[in-house]
Amino acid sequence: MNIELRHLRTIMAIHSAGSVAQAAEQLHITQSALSHQLKAIREQLGVDLFVKNTKPMRLSAEGVRFLRAAERILPEIDQLKAEFDNLQKGQAGRLHIAIECHACFEWLFPVLNLFRAAFPDVDIDIRPGLAFRALAALVDEEVDVVISSDPDAIAGVTFHELFPYAPTFLAAAGNPLAKKPFIEAADFADQTLITYPVERTRLDIFSQLLIPARVEPKLVRQVELTAVMLLLVGANKGVTVLPDWVIRSADIDSGLVTRPVTSTGLTRQLYAAVRTADAGKPFIQRFIELGRDGQRHAARQPLSP
């Protein structure tokens, strides 16, 4: 027995139309061709699916079972076909994200809300547990995008620029360093430095300033939430260095002061790393566009003095 999808569609059409002639018109084939299909189905199954000599044509008991199977199977096949069509067109797929930048959660969620509205059929997930091996997870296809500020030459991976940012010093107005025009590495030697709970090599203030200068803060205090960091800094319990866009988006009061790090300021670049083979997918391209656009608006807002 070899039942084909067209056989299922044939029986559904005849049952719906009530005659071979009208069913043939629905299926856009000749009446003769449809009659041959019906005969082939009868020979394949060895039973009549329609009661003989009835008008309109009426299903036999076996035909009803065949129809129920068709009603269950064909919608699933049509849905599967639509899903694969969307995959082929880049309208559906998977967007699992790993983040090497802890503070990036501050801008990522609004971007994902906009993205979801444009691509509702894309499966979105954030994989925080892969942060320490994010790029390896990208190569292994465990994730599809990595947000990073440290591009690397990896075969099959392309780093797309999102936006530049400036690691910026933040302290309470009563802190002695608030009087300086800019902050140097040596200034941290007698300060409590408040950071996110990630390894030092992935914190700009360490990788770009303190480690090269071989300066160790008096104390390093790790805090998970930006809002808590700002509360501690405002109470003069320590100082911190955050991306300028984090400070712009935060509700800081007049008791906090920002200063550039070094006389020329530090500048870093954030990237979205994707597999090169996926870079042309429309939803990947749209995610990158939204990531860029969301920060251009923030970049136009000046920092508080």
C-alpha atoms as a PDB file:
ATOM      1  CA  MET A   1       0.000   0.000   0.000  1.00  0.00           C
ATOM      2  CA  ASN A   2       1.340   3.405  -0.967  1.00  0.00           C
ATOM      3  CA  ILE A   3      -0.845   6.274   0.245  1.00  0.00           C
ATOM      4  CA  GLU A   4       0.234   9.666  -1.052  1.00  0.00           C
ATOM      5  CA  LEU A   5      -0.662  13.146   0.156  1.00  0.00           C
ATOM      6  CA  ARG A   6      -2.561  13.740  -3.086  1.00  0.00           C
ATOM      7  CA  HIS A   7      -4.768  10.790  -2.216  1.00  0.00           C
ATOM      8  CA  LEU A   8      -5.672  12.432   1.081  1.00  0.00           C
ATOM      9  CA  ARG A   9      -6.440  15.703  -0.684  1.00  0.00           C
ATOM     10  CA  THR A  10      -8.547  13.876  -3.290  1.00  0.00           C
ATOM     11  CA  ILE A  11     -10.818  12.223  -0.733  1.00  0.00           C
ATOM     12  CA  MET A  12     -11.211  15.489   1.213  1.00  0.00           C
ATOM     13  CA  ALA A  13     -12.106  17.377  -1.961  1.00  0.00           C
ATOM     14  CA  ILE A  14     -14.687  14.822  -3.149  1.00  0.00           C
ATOM     15  CA  HIS A  15     -16.269  14.663   0.308  1.00  0.00           C
ATOM     16  CA  SER A  16     -16.448  18.461   0.455  1.00  0.00           C
ATOM     17  CA  ALA A  17     -17.740  18.953  -3.106  1.00  0.00           C
ATOM     18  CA  GLY A  18     -20.071  15.942  -3.246  1.00  0.00           C
ATOM     19  CA  SER A  19     -19.019  14.926  -6.775  1.00  0.00           C
ATOM     20  CA  VAL A  20     -15.933  14.122  -8.808  1.00  0.00           C
ATOM     21  CA  ALA A  21     -16.653  16.939 -11.255  1.00  0.00           C
ATOM     22  CA  GLN A  22     -16.777  19.680  -8.627  1.00  0.00           C
ATOM     23  CA  ALA A  23     -13.815  18.230  -6.729  1.00  0.00           C
ATOM     24  CA  ALA A  24     -11.758  18.221  -9.946  1.00  0.00           C
ATOM     25  CA  GLU A  25     -12.548  21.915 -10.373  1.00  0.00           C
ATOM     26  CA  GLN A  26     -11.413  22.630  -6.796  1.00  0.00           C
ATOM     27  CA  LEU A  27      -8.158  20.725  -7.330  1.00  0.00           C
ATOM     28  CA  HIS A  28      -7.553  22.306 -10.761  1.00  0.00           C
ATOM     29  CA  ILE A  29      -7.266  18.955 -12.555  1.00  0.00           C
ATOM     30  CA  THR A  30      -9.452  17.222 -15.119  1.00  0.00           C
ATOM     31  CA  GLN A  31     -12.375  15.063 -14.086  1.00  0.00           C
ATOM     32  CA  SER A  32     -10.797  12.122 -15.888  1.00  0.00           C
ATOM     33  CA  ALA A  33      -7.532  12.510 -13.973  1.00  0.00           C
ATOM     34  CA  LEU A  34      -9.380  12.657 -10.671  1.00  0.00           C
ATOM     35  CA  SER A  35     -11.419   9.554 -11.541  1.00  0.00           C
ATOM     36  CA  HIS A  36      -8.184   7.680 -12.257  1.00  0.00           C
ATOM     37  CA  GLN A  37      -6.804   8.805  -8.873  1.00  0.00           C
ATOM     38  CA  LEU A  38      -9.938   7.562  -7.114  1.00  0.00           C
ATOM     39  CA  LYS A  39      -9.636   4.207  -8.903  1.00  0.00           C
ATOM     40  CA  ALA A  40      -5.955   3.954  -7.907  1.00  0.00           C
ATOM     41  CA  ILE A  41      -6.817   4.661  -4.271  1.00  0.00           C
ATOM     42  CA  ARG A  42      -9.486   1.944  -4.351  1.00  0.00           C
ATOM     43  CA  GLU A  43      -6.994  -0.545  -5.795  1.00  0.00           C
ATOM     44  CA  GLN A  44      -4.317   0.424  -3.268  1.00  0.00           C
ATOM     45  CA  LEU A  45      -6.592   0.066  -0.250  1.00  0.00           C
ATOM     46  CA  GLY A  46      -8.709  -2.791  -1.484  1.00  0.00           C
ATOM     47  CA  VAL A  47     -11.915  -1.136  -0.232  1.00  0.00           C
ATOM     48  CA  ASP A  48     -14.422   1.409  -1.498  1.00  0.00           C
ATOM     49  CA  LEU A  49     -14.158   4.744   0.306  1.00  0.00           C
ATOM     50  CA  PHE A  50     -17.491   5.948  -1.082  1.00  0.00           C
ATOM     51  CA  VAL A  51     -20.878   4.259  -1.027  1.00  0.00           C
ATOM     52  CA  LYS A  52     -21.775   3.278  -4.600  1.00  0.00           C
ATOM     53  CA  ASN A  53     -24.480   5.094  -6.574  1.00  0.00           C
ATOM     54  CA  THR A  54     -25.153   7.917  -4.098  1.00  0.00           C
ATOM     55  CA  LYS A  55     -25.620  11.574  -4.979  1.00  0.00           C
ATOM     56  CA  PRO A  56     -24.035  13.550  -3.513  1.00  0.00           C
ATOM     57  CA  MET A  57     -21.219  11.069  -3.033  1.00  0.00           C
ATOM     58  CA  ARG A  58     -21.171   9.705   0.519  1.00  0.00           C
ATOM     59  CA  LEU A  59     -18.251   8.199   2.402  1.00  0.00           C
ATOM     60  CA  SER A  60     -18.323   4.567   3.468  1.00  0.00           C
ATOM     61  CA  ALA A  61     -17.232   3.614   6.993  1.00  0.00           C
ATOM     62  CA  GLU A  62     -13.715   3.027   5.681  1.00  0.00           C
ATOM     63  CA  GLY A  63     -13.879   6.339   3.851  1.00  0.00           C
ATOM     64  CA  VAL A  64     -14.744   8.162   7.081  1.00  0.00           C
ATOM     65  CA  ARG A  65     -11.623   6.716   8.734  1.00  0.00           C
ATOM     66  CA  PHE A  66      -9.554   7.792   5.732  1.00  0.00           C
ATOM     67  CA  LEU A  67     -11.071  11.279   5.897  1.00  0.00           C
ATOM     68  CA  ARG A  68     -10.311  11.663   9.613  1.00  0.00           C
ATOM     69  CA  ALA A  69      -6.697  10.737   8.929  1.00  0.00           C
ATOM     70  CA  ALA A  70      -6.569  13.296   6.105  1.00  0.00           C
ATOM     71  CA  GLU A  71      -8.048  15.997   8.362  1.00  0.00           C
ATOM     72  CA  ARG A  72      -5.341  15.314  10.929  1.00  0.00           C
ATOM     73  CA  ILE A  73      -2.356  14.821   8.641  1.00  0.00           C
ATOM     74  CA  LEU A  74      -2.808  17.487   5.952  1.00  0.00           C
ATOM     75  CA  PRO A  75      -2.936  20.519   8.303  1.00  0.00           C
ATOM     76  CA  GLU A  76       0.245  19.302  10.006  1.00  0.00           C
ATOM     77  CA  ILE A  77       1.954  18.881   6.633  1.00  0.00           C
ATOM     78  CA  ASP A  78       0.781  22.334   5.513  1.00  0.00           C
ATOM     79  CA  GLN A  79       2.034  23.874   8.745  1.00  0.00           C
ATOM     80  CA  LEU A  80       5.372  22.109   8.414  1.00  0.00           C
ATOM     81  CA  LYS A  81       5.692  23.334   4.822  1.00  0.00           C
ATOM     82  CA  ALA A  82       4.894  26.897   5.896  1.00  0.00           C
ATOM     83  CA  GLU A  83       7.501  26.703   8.651  1.00  0.00           C
ATOM     84  CA  PHE A  84      10.178  25.501   6.248  1.00  0.00           C
ATOM     85  CA  ASP A  85       9.154  28.158   3.725  1.00  0.00           C
ATOM     86  CA  ASN A  86       9.646  30.774   6.445  1.00  0.00           C
ATOM     87  CA  LEU A  87      12.983  29.235   7.383  1.00  0.00           C
ATOM     88  CA  GLN A  88      14.083  29.391   3.759  1.00  0.00           C
ATOM     89  CA  LYS A  89      12.957  33.014   3.473  1.00  0.00           C
ATOM     90  CA  GLY A  90      14.648  33.953   6.748  1.00  0.00           C
ATOM     91  CA  GLN A  91      11.358  34.869   8.416  1.00  0.00           C
ATOM     92  CA  ALA A  92      11.616  32.104  11.032  1.00  0.00           C
ATOM     93  CA  GLY A  93      14.442  30.390  12.830  1.00  0.00           C
ATOM     94  CA  ARG A  94      16.343  30.510  16.090  1.00  0.00           C
ATOM     95  CA  LEU A  95      18.036  33.473  17.789  1.00  0.00           C
ATOM     96  CA  HIS A  96      19.813  32.196  20.880  1.00  0.00           C
ATOM     97  CA  ILE A  97      22.150  34.800  22.342  1.00  0.00           C
ATOM     98  CA  ALA A  98      25.208  34.608  24.581  1.00  0.00           C
ATOM     99  CA  ILE A  99      26.544  37.785  26.198  1.00  0.00           C
ATOM    100  CA  GLU A 100      30.133  38.482  27.168  1.00  0.00           C
ATOM    101  CA  CYS A 101      29.156  42.003  28.236  1.00  0.00           C
ATOM    102  CA  HIS A 102      27.248  41.843  31.554  1.00  0.00           C
ATOM    103  CA  ALA A 103      25.880  45.376  31.243  1.00  0.00           C
ATOM    104  CA  CYS A 104      24.434  44.606  27.810  1.00  0.00           C
ATOM    105  CA  PHE A 105      21.239  43.335  29.411  1.00  0.00           C
ATOM    106  CA  GLU A 106      20.386  47.021  29.910  1.00  0.00           C
ATOM    107  CA  TRP A 107      19.882  47.631  26.162  1.00  0.00           C
ATOM    108  CA  LEU A 108      19.264  44.115  24.878  1.00  0.00           C
ATOM    109  CA  PHE A 109      15.748  43.622  26.254  1.00  0.00           C
ATOM    110  CA  PRO A 110      14.242  46.707  24.530  1.00  0.00           C
ATOM    111  CA  VAL A 111      15.922  45.613  21.286  1.00  0.00           C
ATOM    112  CA  LEU A 112      14.447  42.127  21.592  1.00  0.00           C
ATOM    113  CA  ASN A 113      10.966  43.556  22.169  1.00  0.00           C
ATOM    114  CA  LEU A 114      11.231  45.440  18.867  1.00  0.00           C
ATOM    115  CA  PHE A 115      12.705  42.391  17.164  1.00  0.00           C
ATOM    116  CA  ARG A 116       9.905  40.100  18.356  1.00  0.00           C
ATOM    117  CA  ALA A 117       7.307  42.419  16.834  1.00  0.00           C
ATOM    118  CA  ALA A 118       9.007  42.125  13.429  1.00  0.00           C
ATOM    119  CA  PHE A 119       9.809  38.382  13.597  1.00  0.00           C
ATOM    120  CA  PRO A 120       7.243  36.640  15.801  1.00  0.00           C
ATOM    121  CA  ASP A 121       8.172  33.202  14.414  1.00  0.00           C
ATOM    122  CA  VAL A 122      11.809  33.385  15.520  1.00  0.00           C
ATOM    123  CA  ASP A 123      12.602  31.470  18.711  1.00  0.00           C
ATOM    124  CA  ILE A 124      14.447  33.875  21.047  1.00  0.00           C
ATOM    125  CA  ASP A 125      16.490  32.865  24.067  1.00  0.00           C
ATOM    126  CA  ILE A 126      19.350  34.292  26.128  1.00  0.00           C
ATOM    127  CA  ARG A 127      21.928  31.759  27.322  1.00  0.00           C
ATOM    128  CA  PRO A 128      23.724  33.384  30.301  1.00  0.00           C
ATOM    129  CA  GLY A 129      25.344  30.106  31.310  1.00  0.00           C
ATOM    130  CA  LEU A 130      27.482  30.176  28.162  1.00  0.00           C
ATOM    131  CA  ALA A 131      29.057  33.591  28.811  1.00  0.00           C
ATOM    132  CA  PHE A 132      32.456  32.106  29.689  1.00  0.00           C
ATOM    133  CA  ARG A 133      32.651  30.112  26.438  1.00  0.00           C
ATOM    134  CA  ALA A 134      30.367  32.185  24.257  1.00  0.00           C
ATOM    135  CA  LEU A 135      32.388  32.181  21.033  1.00  0.00           C
ATOM    136  CA  ALA A 136      33.073  28.447  21.253  1.00  0.00           C
ATOM    137  CA  ALA A 137      29.322  27.944  21.731  1.00  0.00           C
ATOM    138  CA  LEU A 138      28.711  30.025  18.595  1.00  0.00           C
ATOM    139  CA  VAL A 139      31.030  27.839  16.530  1.00  0.00           C
ATOM    140  CA  ASP A 140      29.373  24.708  17.956  1.00  0.00           C
ATOM    141  CA  GLU A 141      25.911  26.131  17.008  1.00  0.00           C
ATOM    142  CA  GLU A 142      24.719  26.192  20.616  1.00  0.00           C
ATOM    143  CA  VAL A 143      23.952  29.904  20.170  1.00  0.00           C
ATOM    144  CA  ASP A 144      23.447  32.106  17.118  1.00  0.00           C
ATOM    145  CA  VAL A 145      24.712  35.518  18.271  1.00  0.00           C
ATOM    146  CA  VAL A 146      27.393  36.565  20.749  1.00  0.00           C
ATOM    147  CA  ILE A 147      27.512  40.120  22.100  1.00  0.00           C
ATOM    148  CA  SER A 148      31.161  40.937  22.705  1.00  0.00           C
ATOM    149  CA  SER A 149      33.635  43.800  22.860  1.00  0.00           C
ATOM    150  CA  ASP A 150      36.599  41.553  22.036  1.00  0.00           C
ATOM    151  CA  PRO A 151      36.621  40.496  18.358  1.00  0.00           C
ATOM    152  CA  ASP A 152      38.788  37.571  17.420  1.00  0.00           C
ATOM    153  CA  ALA A 153      39.845  35.893  14.181  1.00  0.00           C
ATOM    154  CA  ILE A 154      37.704  32.745  14.150  1.00  0.00           C
ATOM    155  CA  ALA A 155      37.051  30.740  11.000  1.00  0.00           C
ATOM    156  CA  GLY A 156      33.408  30.890  10.016  1.00  0.00           C
ATOM    157  CA  VAL A 157      32.557  33.750  12.400  1.00  0.00           C
ATOM    158  CA  THR A 158      31.954  37.387  11.459  1.00  0.00           C
ATOM    159  CA  PHE A 159      31.974  40.284  13.953  1.00  0.00           C
ATOM    160  CA  HIS A 160      29.505  43.049  13.085  1.00  0.00           C
ATOM    161  CA  GLU A 161      29.998  46.460  14.678  1.00  0.00           C
ATOM    162  CA  LEU A 162      27.082  47.597  16.801  1.00  0.00           C
ATOM    163  CA  PHE A 163      28.177  50.852  18.439  1.00  0.00           C
ATOM    164  CA  PRO A 164      31.161  52.462  20.184  1.00  0.00           C
ATOM    165  CA  TYR A 165      31.005  53.280  23.855  1.00  0.00           C
ATOM    166  CA  ALA A 166      33.159  54.962  26.465  1.00  0.00           C
ATOM    167  CA  PRO A 167      33.913  53.278  29.802  1.00  0.00           C
ATOM    168  CA  THR A 168      33.165  56.148  32.188  1.00  0.00           C
ATOM    169  CA  PHE A 169      34.145  56.715  35.817  1.00  0.00           C
ATOM    170  CA  LEU A 170      31.328  57.328  38.296  1.00  0.00           C
ATOM    171  CA  ALA A 171      31.686  58.533  41.891  1.00  0.00           C
ATOM    172  CA  ALA A 172      29.807  60.402  44.576  1.00  0.00           C
ATOM    173  CA  ALA A 173      30.258  64.168  44.483  1.00  0.00           C
ATOM    174  CA  GLY A 174      31.918  63.952  47.905  1.00  0.00           C
ATOM    175  CA  ASN A 175      34.615  61.558  46.725  1.00  0.00           C
ATOM    176  CA  PRO A 176      38.022  63.283  46.340  1.00  0.00           C
ATOM    177  CA  LEU A 177      38.344  61.920  42.795  1.00  0.00           C
ATOM    178  CA  ALA A 178      35.256  63.905  41.781  1.00  0.00           C
ATOM    179  CA  LYS A 179      37.438  67.014  41.759  1.00  0.00           C
ATOM    180  CA  LYS A 180      39.775  65.643  39.108  1.00  0.00           C
ATOM    181  CA  PRO A 181      39.173  66.395  35.402  1.00  0.00           C
ATOM    182  CA  PHE A 182      39.944  62.779  34.475  1.00  0.00           C
ATOM    183  CA  ILE A 183      40.823  59.528  36.228  1.00  0.00           C
ATOM    184  CA  GLU A 184      44.106  57.621  35.950  1.00  0.00           C
ATOM    185  CA  ALA A 185      45.069  54.086  36.908  1.00  0.00           C
ATOM    186  CA  ALA A 186      46.878  55.154  40.095  1.00  0.00           C
ATOM    187  CA  ASP A 187      43.678  56.817  41.364  1.00  0.00           C
ATOM    188  CA  PHE A 188      42.101  53.414  42.009  1.00  0.00           C
ATOM    189  CA  ALA A 189      44.828  52.252  44.389  1.00  0.00           C
ATOM    190  CA  ASP A 190      43.020  53.611  47.463  1.00  0.00           C
ATOM    191  CA  GLN A 191      39.447  53.083  46.225  1.00  0.00           C
ATOM    192  CA  THR A 192      36.824  50.370  46.506  1.00  0.00           C
ATOM    193  CA  LEU A 193      35.981  49.474  42.923  1.00  0.00           C
ATOM    194  CA  ILE A 194      32.449  48.188  42.382  1.00  0.00           C
ATOM    195  CA  THR A 195      32.103  45.866  39.375  1.00  0.00           C
ATOM    196  CA  TYR A 196      29.785  43.316  37.845  1.00  0.00           C
ATOM    197  CA  PRO A 197      30.484  39.702  38.910  1.00  0.00           C
ATOM    198  CA  VAL A 198      32.544  38.656  35.894  1.00  0.00           C
ATOM    199  CA  GLU A 199      36.200  37.805  35.427  1.00  0.00           C
ATOM    200  CA  ARG A 200      38.565  40.748  35.335  1.00  0.00           C
ATOM    201  CA  THR A 201      39.736  40.229  31.787  1.00  0.00           C
ATOM    202  CA  ARG A 202      36.185  40.933  30.593  1.00  0.00           C
ATOM    203  CA  LEU A 203      35.889  44.223  32.511  1.00  0.00           C
ATOM    204  CA  ASP A 204      37.090  47.225  30.508  1.00  0.00           C
ATOM    205  CA  ILE A 205      38.557  49.022  33.515  1.00  0.00           C
ATOM    206  CA  PHE A 206      40.844  46.066  34.195  1.00  0.00           C
ATOM    207  CA  SER A 207      41.668  44.953  30.637  1.00  0.00           C
ATOM    208  CA  GLN A 208      42.192  48.456  29.250  1.00  0.00           C
ATOM    209  CA  LEU A 209      43.719  50.278  32.234  1.00  0.00           C
ATOM    210  CA  LEU A 210      44.465  48.568  35.538  1.00  0.00           C
ATOM    211  CA  ILE A 211      46.042  45.327  34.315  1.00  0.00           C
ATOM    212  CA  PRO A 212      48.412  47.069  31.831  1.00  0.00           C
ATOM    213  CA  ALA A 213      49.323  49.622  34.540  1.00  0.00           C
ATOM    214  CA  ARG A 214      49.700  46.871  37.174  1.00  0.00           C
ATOM    215  CA  VAL A 215      47.474  48.731  39.603  1.00  0.00           C
ATOM    216  CA  GLU A 216      45.273  46.914  42.100  1.00  0.00           C
ATOM    217  CA  PRO A 217      42.294  48.680  43.719  1.00  0.00           C
ATOM    218  CA  LYS A 218      42.179  48.710  47.508  1.00  0.00           C
ATOM    219  CA  LEU A 219      39.103  46.508  47.341  1.00  0.00           C
ATOM    220  CA  VAL A 220      36.930  45.023  44.568  1.00  0.00           C
ATOM    221  CA  ARG A 221      33.243  44.576  45.379  1.00  0.00           C
ATOM    222  CA  GLN A 222      31.095  42.614  42.937  1.00  0.00           C
ATOM    223  CA  VAL A 223      27.441  43.569  42.492  1.00  0.00           C
ATOM    224  CA  GLU A 224      24.917  41.944  40.131  1.00  0.00           C
ATOM    225  CA  LEU A 225      22.520  44.835  39.504  1.00  0.00           C
ATOM    226  CA  THR A 226      23.315  48.258  38.031  1.00  0.00           C
ATOM    227  CA  ALA A 227      20.759  49.939  40.284  1.00  0.00           C
ATOM    228  CA  VAL A 228      22.494  48.571  43.388  1.00  0.00           C
ATOM    229  CA  MET A 229      25.871  49.705  42.056  1.00  0.00           C
ATOM    230  CA  LEU A 230      24.531  53.229  41.679  1.00  0.00           C
ATOM    231  CA  LEU A 231      23.099  53.177  45.209  1.00  0.00           C
ATOM    232  CA  LEU A 232      26.464  52.148  46.654  1.00  0.00           C
ATOM    233  CA  VAL A 233      28.361  54.738  44.627  1.00  0.00           C
ATOM    234  CA  GLY A 234      25.854  57.421  45.640  1.00  0.00           C
ATOM    235  CA  ALA A 235      26.448  56.515  49.294  1.00  0.00           C
ATOM    236  CA  ASN A 236      30.199  56.911  48.681  1.00  0.00           C
ATOM    237  CA  LYS A 237      30.800  53.219  49.411  1.00  0.00           C
ATOM    238  CA  GLY A 238      32.972  52.906  46.348  1.00  0.00           C
ATOM    239  CA  VAL A 239      33.463  54.007  42.737  1.00  0.00           C
ATOM    240  CA  THR A 240      32.655  52.279  39.487  1.00  0.00           C
ATOM    241  CA  VAL A 241      33.318  52.373  35.746  1.00  0.00           C
ATOM    242  CA  LEU A 242      30.362  51.734  33.463  1.00  0.00           C
ATOM    243  CA  PRO A 243      29.690  52.113  29.743  1.00  0.00           C
ATOM    244  CA  ASP A 244      28.449  55.627  29.021  1.00  0.00           C
ATOM    245  CA  TRP A 245      25.163  54.298  27.626  1.00  0.00           C
ATOM    246  CA  VAL A 246      24.444  52.512  30.913  1.00  0.00           C
ATOM    247  CA  ILE A 247      24.868  55.785  32.785  1.00  0.00           C
ATOM    248  CA  ARG A 248      22.671  57.630  30.286  1.00  0.00           C
ATOM    249  CA  SER A 249      19.874  55.131  30.689  1.00  0.00           C
ATOM    250  CA  ALA A 250      20.121  55.137  34.493  1.00  0.00           C
ATOM    251  CA  ASP A 251      18.280  57.620  36.685  1.00  0.00           C
ATOM    252  CA  ILE A 252      21.312  59.183  38.391  1.00  0.00           C
ATOM    253  CA  ASP A 253      20.921  62.131  40.728  1.00  0.00           C
ATOM    254  CA  SER A 254      22.993  65.271  41.178  1.00  0.00           C
ATOM    255  CA  GLY A 255      25.037  63.584  43.900  1.00  0.00           C
ATOM    256  CA  LEU A 256      26.893  61.496  41.309  1.00  0.00           C
ATOM    257  CA  VAL A 257      29.724  62.718  39.098  1.00  0.00           C
ATOM    258  CA  THR A 258      31.070  61.252  35.852  1.00  0.00           C
ATOM    259  CA  ARG A 259      34.629  61.631  34.647  1.00  0.00           C
ATOM    260  CA  PRO A 260      36.551  60.300  31.622  1.00  0.00           C
ATOM    261  CA  VAL A 261      39.044  57.500  32.203  1.00  0.00           C
ATOM    262  CA  THR A 262      42.497  58.849  31.198  1.00  0.00           C
ATOM    263  CA  SER A 263      43.087  62.270  29.716  1.00  0.00           C
ATOM    264  CA  THR A 264      41.916  61.180  26.263  1.00  0.00           C
ATOM    265  CA  GLY A 265      39.143  58.885  27.464  1.00  0.00           C
ATOM    266  CA  LEU A 266      38.700  55.207  26.733  1.00  0.00           C
ATOM    267  CA  THR A 267      36.729  54.118  23.674  1.00  0.00           C
ATOM    268  CA  ARG A 268      35.507  50.586  23.057  1.00  0.00           C
ATOM    269  CA  GLN A 269      33.411  48.931  20.353  1.00  0.00           C
ATOM    270  CA  LEU A 270      30.590  46.476  20.872  1.00  0.00           C
ATOM    271  CA  TYR A 271      30.061  43.704  18.321  1.00  0.00           C
ATOM    272  CA  ALA A 272      27.503  41.088  17.404  1.00  0.00           C
ATOM    273  CA  ALA A 273      29.349  37.916  16.390  1.00  0.00           C
ATOM    274  CA  VAL A 274      27.426  35.515  14.137  1.00  0.00           C
ATOM    275  CA  ARG A 275      28.301  32.527  12.012  1.00  0.00           C
ATOM    276  CA  THR A 276      29.269  33.822   8.575  1.00  0.00           C
ATOM    277  CA  ALA A 277      26.878  31.375   6.912  1.00  0.00           C
ATOM    278  CA  ASP A 278      23.956  32.922   8.852  1.00  0.00           C
ATOM    279  CA  ALA A 279      24.850  36.576   8.305  1.00  0.00           C
ATOM    280  CA  GLY A 280      22.533  36.930   5.300  1.00  0.00           C
ATOM    281  CA  LYS A 281      19.404  35.765   7.110  1.00  0.00           C
ATOM    282  CA  PRO A 282      16.881  38.628   7.292  1.00  0.00           C
ATOM    283  CA  PHE A 283      16.195  38.189  10.999  1.00  0.00           C
ATOM    284  CA  ILE A 284      19.919  38.195  11.827  1.00  0.00           C
ATOM    285  CA  GLN A 285      20.367  41.364   9.791  1.00  0.00           C
ATOM    286  CA  ARG A 286      17.383  42.985  11.502  1.00  0.00           C
ATOM    287  CA  PHE A 287      18.697  42.152  14.966  1.00  0.00           C
ATOM    288  CA  ILE A 288      22.006  43.812  14.133  1.00  0.00           C
ATOM    289  CA  GLU A 289      20.218  46.878  12.717  1.00  0.00           C
ATOM    290  CA  LEU A 290      18.093  47.236  15.841  1.00  0.00           C
ATOM    291  CA  GLY A 291      21.144  46.872  18.055  1.00  0.00           C
ATOM    292  CA  ARG A 292      22.836  49.725  16.226  1.00  0.00           C
ATOM    293  CA  ASP A 293      19.824  52.021  16.058  1.00  0.00           C
ATOM    294  CA  GLY A 294      18.879  51.628  19.696  1.00  0.00           C
ATOM    295  CA  GLN A 295      22.211  53.004  20.811  1.00  0.00           C
ATOM    296  CA  ARG A 296      22.481  55.853  18.321  1.00  0.00           C
ATOM    297  CA  HIS A 297      19.634  57.586  20.099  1.00  0.00           C
ATOM    298  CA  ALA A 298      21.290  57.119  23.490  1.00  0.00           C
ATOM    299  CA  ALA A 299      24.607  58.389  22.136  1.00  0.00           C
ATOM    300  CA  ARG A 300      23.019  61.797  21.452  1.00  0.00           C
ATOM    301  CA  GLN A 301      22.165  62.334  25.108  1.00  0.00           C
ATOM    302  CA  PRO A 302      24.967  64.127  27.016  1.00  0.00           C
ATOM    303  CA  LEU A 303      26.247  62.737  30.286  1.00  0.00           C
ATOM    304  CA  SER A 304      25.483  64.627  33.457  1.00  0.00           C
ATOM    305  CA  PRO A 305      28.365  66.704  34.738  1.00  0.00           C
END
